Amino acid sequence: MAVASRRMYVTLDSQNKVAYIGFGPQKRGIVSDSVPLSDYADHAGVETLHDLILDFDKRGRLVGIEVMNAKRALPEPLIHEAKRI
């Protein structure tokens, strides 16, 4: 199943080294809960999980992923094409 790329966006705050991968329309205030994955990193043996936070809307749908240390955690082509903020 293909996903329309216009429904996904990637922004990069290069000063703070933080990227955001959003799903759906780019709106402020739709995130009602954030879940850091750092608690699962050691158990899973995946260091990058320390850098990820899942964002959900009020209906429990995934609306975005915050990525700390983006240059370490994401593929270079994604970093290169991200919108700078």
C-alpha atoms as a PDB file:
ATOM      1  CA  MET A   1       0.000   0.000   0.000  1.00  0.00           C
ATOM      2  CA  ALA A   2       1.427   3.357  -1.043  1.00  0.00           C
ATOM      3  CA  VAL A   3       1.138   6.389   1.198  1.00  0.00           C
ATOM      4  CA  ALA A   4       0.729   9.854  -0.291  1.00  0.00           C
ATOM      5  CA  SER A   5       3.851  11.843   0.554  1.00  0.00           C
ATOM      6  CA  ARG A   6       1.873  15.092   0.769  1.00  0.00           C
ATOM      7  CA  ARG A   7       0.361  13.761   3.993  1.00  0.00           C
ATOM      8  CA  MET A   8       3.782  13.377   5.596  1.00  0.00           C
ATOM      9  CA  TYR A   9       6.202  16.194   6.292  1.00  0.00           C
ATOM     10  CA  VAL A  10       9.625  16.484   7.878  1.00  0.00           C
ATOM     11  CA  THR A  11      11.002  19.579   9.571  1.00  0.00           C
ATOM     12  CA  LEU A  12      14.460  20.128  11.016  1.00  0.00           C
ATOM     13  CA  ASP A  13      15.579  22.574  13.653  1.00  0.00           C
ATOM     14  CA  SER A  14      19.265  22.284  12.853  1.00  0.00           C
ATOM     15  CA  GLN A  15      20.287  24.609  15.690  1.00  0.00           C
ATOM     16  CA  ASN A  16      18.745  22.231  18.235  1.00  0.00           C
ATOM     17  CA  LYS A  17      19.344  19.095  16.113  1.00  0.00           C
ATOM     18  CA  VAL A  18      15.678  18.094  16.362  1.00  0.00           C
ATOM     19  CA  ALA A  19      13.554  16.752  13.518  1.00  0.00           C
ATOM     20  CA  TYR A  20       9.808  16.233  13.407  1.00  0.00           C
ATOM     21  CA  ILE A  21       8.120  13.710  11.149  1.00  0.00           C
ATOM     22  CA  GLY A  22       4.450  14.605  10.944  1.00  0.00           C
ATOM     23  CA  PHE A  23       1.543  12.649   9.533  1.00  0.00           C
ATOM     24  CA  GLY A  24      -1.470  14.484   8.185  1.00  0.00           C
ATOM     25  CA  PRO A  25      -1.994  18.234   8.058  1.00  0.00           C
ATOM     26  CA  GLN A  26       0.650  20.417   9.677  1.00  0.00           C
ATOM     27  CA  LYS A  27      -1.341  21.985  12.533  1.00  0.00           C
ATOM     28  CA  ARG A  28      -0.369  23.284  15.928  1.00  0.00           C
ATOM     29  CA  GLY A  29      -2.183  22.047  19.007  1.00  0.00           C
ATOM     30  CA  ILE A  30      -3.278  18.617  17.784  1.00  0.00           C
ATOM     31  CA  VAL A  31      -0.874  16.686  20.024  1.00  0.00           C
ATOM     32  CA  SER A  32      -2.567  15.628  23.242  1.00  0.00           C
ATOM     33  CA  ASP A  33      -0.086  13.011  24.468  1.00  0.00           C
ATOM     34  CA  SER A  34       3.613  12.324  23.936  1.00  0.00           C
ATOM     35  CA  VAL A  35       5.349   9.049  24.732  1.00  0.00           C
ATOM     36  CA  PRO A  36       9.155   8.966  24.979  1.00  0.00           C
ATOM     37  CA  LEU A  37      10.622   5.657  23.879  1.00  0.00           C
ATOM     38  CA  SER A  38      13.731   5.970  26.031  1.00  0.00           C
ATOM     39  CA  ASP A  39      12.235   3.567  28.585  1.00  0.00           C
ATOM     40  CA  TYR A  40      12.329   0.821  25.950  1.00  0.00           C
ATOM     41  CA  ALA A  41      15.785   1.535  24.517  1.00  0.00           C
ATOM     42  CA  ASP A  42      17.860  -0.565  26.889  1.00  0.00           C
ATOM     43  CA  HIS A  43      15.477  -3.523  26.837  1.00  0.00           C
ATOM     44  CA  ALA A  44      15.307  -3.497  23.028  1.00  0.00           C
ATOM     45  CA  GLY A  45      19.021  -2.872  22.619  1.00  0.00           C
ATOM     46  CA  VAL A  46      18.342  -0.027  20.201  1.00  0.00           C
ATOM     47  CA  GLU A  47      20.231   3.120  21.206  1.00  0.00           C
ATOM     48  CA  THR A  48      18.250   5.360  18.830  1.00  0.00           C
ATOM     49  CA  LEU A  49      15.054   4.777  20.833  1.00  0.00           C
ATOM     50  CA  HIS A  50      16.483   7.243  23.388  1.00  0.00           C
ATOM     51  CA  ASP A  51      16.011   9.922  20.706  1.00  0.00           C
ATOM     52  CA  LEU A  52      12.370   9.238  19.763  1.00  0.00           C
ATOM     53  CA  ILE A  53       9.106  10.610  21.145  1.00  0.00           C
ATOM     54  CA  LEU A  54       5.758   9.518  19.680  1.00  0.00           C
ATOM     55  CA  ASP A  55       3.009  12.156  19.519  1.00  0.00           C
ATOM     56  CA  PHE A  56      -0.679  11.215  19.569  1.00  0.00           C
ATOM     57  CA  ASP A  57      -3.876  13.192  19.038  1.00  0.00           C
ATOM     58  CA  LYS A  58      -6.866  13.123  21.397  1.00  0.00           C
ATOM     59  CA  ARG A  59      -8.253  10.033  19.618  1.00  0.00           C
ATOM     60  CA  GLY A  60      -5.020   8.097  20.184  1.00  0.00           C
ATOM     61  CA  ARG A  61      -3.821   8.314  16.585  1.00  0.00           C
ATOM     62  CA  LEU A  62      -0.123   8.752  15.855  1.00  0.00           C
ATOM     63  CA  VAL A  63       0.350  12.260  14.442  1.00  0.00           C
ATOM     64  CA  GLY A  64       4.121  12.626  14.594  1.00  0.00           C
ATOM     65  CA  ILE A  65       7.525  11.541  15.784  1.00  0.00           C
ATOM     66  CA  GLU A  66       9.978  13.887  17.464  1.00  0.00           C
ATOM     67  CA  VAL A  67      13.573  12.912  16.744  1.00  0.00           C
ATOM     68  CA  MET A  68      16.304  14.286  19.001  1.00  0.00           C
ATOM     69  CA  ASN A  69      19.872  14.054  17.650  1.00  0.00           C
ATOM     70  CA  ALA A  70      18.308  13.894  14.202  1.00  0.00           C
ATOM     71  CA  LYS A  71      21.570  13.704  12.283  1.00  0.00           C
ATOM     72  CA  ARG A  72      22.503  10.585  14.216  1.00  0.00           C
ATOM     73  CA  ALA A  73      19.069   8.926  14.156  1.00  0.00           C
ATOM     74  CA  LEU A  74      17.788   9.604  10.623  1.00  0.00           C
ATOM     75  CA  PRO A  75      19.065   8.709   7.159  1.00  0.00           C
ATOM     76  CA  GLU A  76      21.054  11.487   5.456  1.00  0.00           C
ATOM     77  CA  PRO A  77      18.619  11.866   2.490  1.00  0.00           C
ATOM     78  CA  LEU A  78      15.751  12.570   4.906  1.00  0.00           C
ATOM     79  CA  ILE A  79      17.830  15.185   6.747  1.00  0.00           C
ATOM     80  CA  HIS A  80      18.825  16.762   3.436  1.00  0.00           C
ATOM     81  CA  GLU A  81      15.210  17.103   2.229  1.00  0.00           C
ATOM     82  CA  ALA A  82      13.702  18.272   5.530  1.00  0.00           C
ATOM     83  CA  LYS A  83      12.222  21.756   5.723  1.00  0.00           C
ATOM     84  CA  ARG A  84      14.482  23.954   7.886  1.00  0.00           C
ATOM     85  CA  ILE A  85      12.703  25.856  10.642  1.00  0.00           C
END
